[in-house]
Every structure is written in structure tokens, then in C-alpha cells.
Amino acid sequence: RGLLIALEFETNARPLVENLMTLGLLAKDTHGRTIRLTPPLSLTGPQAEAAFRLVQSAVAAWSA
């Protein structure tokens, strides 16, 4: 069991997934434009905030 979170983009999300992996956050691209994140149910607030900061950083670098 766990959580399932998806982020959908207008373009191919694979480069973003690869960037997230280099930052230490594993994600899966699905259907080309969607990124799946599947954290465990035991995810803490600080862990969620850290993951969100990594996603923000990766998106900023990707869209630059």
C-alpha cells in the first residue's frame, strides 16, 4: 500500500524523470507526459516537503 501522486505536463516528461533521478528522487514517466510518484503511506511531512523541493528544482532546471 502507498500513495499515488501524478504530475502531468504538456511535453514529454522523460527528461524530467531522469533529472529527478540524479537528484535522488525516483519517479516513473507514464504515457509520455505524466510522472508518477509513489511514496509510502508512512511518508512524513518533512519528507514530502523535501520531495516537493526536488520536484520544484527539477522542473525549474528542465524549463530553463
C-alpha atoms as a PDB file:
ATOM      1  CA  ARG A   1       0.000   0.000   0.000  1.00  0.00           C
ATOM      2  CA  GLY A   2       1.051   3.541  -0.555  1.00  0.00           C
ATOM      3  CA  LEU A   3       0.176   6.864  -2.003  1.00  0.00           C
ATOM      4  CA  LEU A   4      -0.058   7.597  -5.706  1.00  0.00           C
ATOM      5  CA  ILE A   5       0.618  11.092  -6.995  1.00  0.00           C
ATOM      6  CA  ALA A   6       0.772  12.109 -10.655  1.00  0.00           C
ATOM      7  CA  LEU A   7       2.043  15.243 -12.339  1.00  0.00           C
ATOM      8  CA  GLU A   8       1.002  15.881 -15.923  1.00  0.00           C
ATOM      9  CA  PHE A   9       2.967  18.078 -18.332  1.00  0.00           C
ATOM     10  CA  GLU A  10       2.384  19.378 -21.841  1.00  0.00           C
ATOM     11  CA  THR A  11       5.526  17.757 -23.250  1.00  0.00           C
ATOM     12  CA  ASN A  12       7.498  14.550 -22.860  1.00  0.00           C
ATOM     13  CA  ALA A  13       8.308  14.106 -19.169  1.00  0.00           C
ATOM     14  CA  ARG A  14      11.158  11.596 -19.542  1.00  0.00           C
ATOM     15  CA  PRO A  15      13.953  14.210 -19.258  1.00  0.00           C
ATOM     16  CA  LEU A  16      12.397  15.458 -16.034  1.00  0.00           C
ATOM     17  CA  VAL A  17      12.248  11.920 -14.618  1.00  0.00           C
ATOM     18  CA  GLU A  18      15.921  11.463 -15.432  1.00  0.00           C
ATOM     19  CA  ASN A  19      16.760  14.774 -13.738  1.00  0.00           C
ATOM     20  CA  LEU A  20      14.783  13.748 -10.652  1.00  0.00           C
ATOM     21  CA  MET A  21      16.764  10.510 -10.515  1.00  0.00           C
ATOM     22  CA  THR A  22      20.057  12.436 -10.470  1.00  0.00           C
ATOM     23  CA  LEU A  23      18.648  14.480  -7.576  1.00  0.00           C
ATOM     24  CA  GLY A  24      17.798  11.307  -5.656  1.00  0.00           C
ATOM     25  CA  LEU A  25      14.040  11.126  -6.213  1.00  0.00           C
ATOM     26  CA  LEU A  26      12.738   8.116  -8.115  1.00  0.00           C
ATOM     27  CA  ALA A  27       9.708   8.618 -10.351  1.00  0.00           C
ATOM     28  CA  LYS A  28       8.226   6.907 -13.398  1.00  0.00           C
ATOM     29  CA  ASP A  29       7.129   8.534 -16.615  1.00  0.00           C
ATOM     30  CA  THR A  30       3.797   7.205 -17.824  1.00  0.00           C
ATOM     31  CA  HIS A  31       2.029   7.835 -21.128  1.00  0.00           C
ATOM     32  CA  GLY A  32       4.801  10.233 -22.142  1.00  0.00           C
ATOM     33  CA  ARG A  33       3.542  13.338 -20.332  1.00  0.00           C
ATOM     34  CA  THR A  34       2.764  12.065 -16.842  1.00  0.00           C
ATOM     35  CA  ILE A  35       5.116  11.447 -13.930  1.00  0.00           C
ATOM     36  CA  ARG A  36       4.105   9.029 -11.192  1.00  0.00           C
ATOM     37  CA  LEU A  37       5.364   9.348  -7.642  1.00  0.00           C
ATOM     38  CA  THR A  38       4.517   6.546  -5.234  1.00  0.00           C
ATOM     39  CA  PRO A  39       5.647   7.409  -1.713  1.00  0.00           C
ATOM     40  CA  PRO A  40       4.829   5.035   1.151  1.00  0.00           C
ATOM     41  CA  LEU A  41       1.892   5.690   3.473  1.00  0.00           C
ATOM     42  CA  SER A  42       4.439   6.379   6.224  1.00  0.00           C
ATOM     43  CA  LEU A  43       5.661   9.496   4.380  1.00  0.00           C
ATOM     44  CA  THR A  44       6.314  12.304   6.863  1.00  0.00           C
ATOM     45  CA  GLY A  45       5.665  15.985   6.354  1.00  0.00           C
ATOM     46  CA  PRO A  46       9.373  16.853   6.160  1.00  0.00           C
ATOM     47  CA  GLN A  47       9.936  14.059   3.625  1.00  0.00           C
ATOM     48  CA  ALA A  48       7.047  15.336   1.484  1.00  0.00           C
ATOM     49  CA  GLU A  49       8.434  18.878   1.643  1.00  0.00           C
ATOM     50  CA  ALA A  50      11.907  17.658   0.638  1.00  0.00           C
ATOM     51  CA  ALA A  51      10.458  15.729  -2.309  1.00  0.00           C
ATOM     52  CA  PHE A  52       8.429  18.763  -3.366  1.00  0.00           C
ATOM     53  CA  ARG A  53      11.567  20.935  -3.292  1.00  0.00           C
ATOM     54  CA  LEU A  54      13.364  18.393  -5.508  1.00  0.00           C
ATOM     55  CA  VAL A  55      10.465  18.417  -7.979  1.00  0.00           C
ATOM     56  CA  GLN A  56      10.459  22.236  -7.990  1.00  0.00           C
ATOM     57  CA  SER A  57      14.193  22.283  -8.637  1.00  0.00           C
ATOM     58  CA  ALA A  58      13.976  19.708 -11.427  1.00  0.00           C
ATOM     59  CA  VAL A  59      11.076  21.497 -13.141  1.00  0.00           C
ATOM     60  CA  ALA A  60      12.910  24.842 -12.934  1.00  0.00           C
ATOM     61  CA  ALA A  61      16.051  23.344 -14.483  1.00  0.00           C
ATOM     62  CA  TRP A  62      14.015  21.498 -17.117  1.00  0.00           C
ATOM     63  CA  SER A  63      12.026  24.547 -18.226  1.00  0.00           C
ATOM     64  CA  ALA A  64      15.027  26.890 -18.301  1.00  0.00           C
END
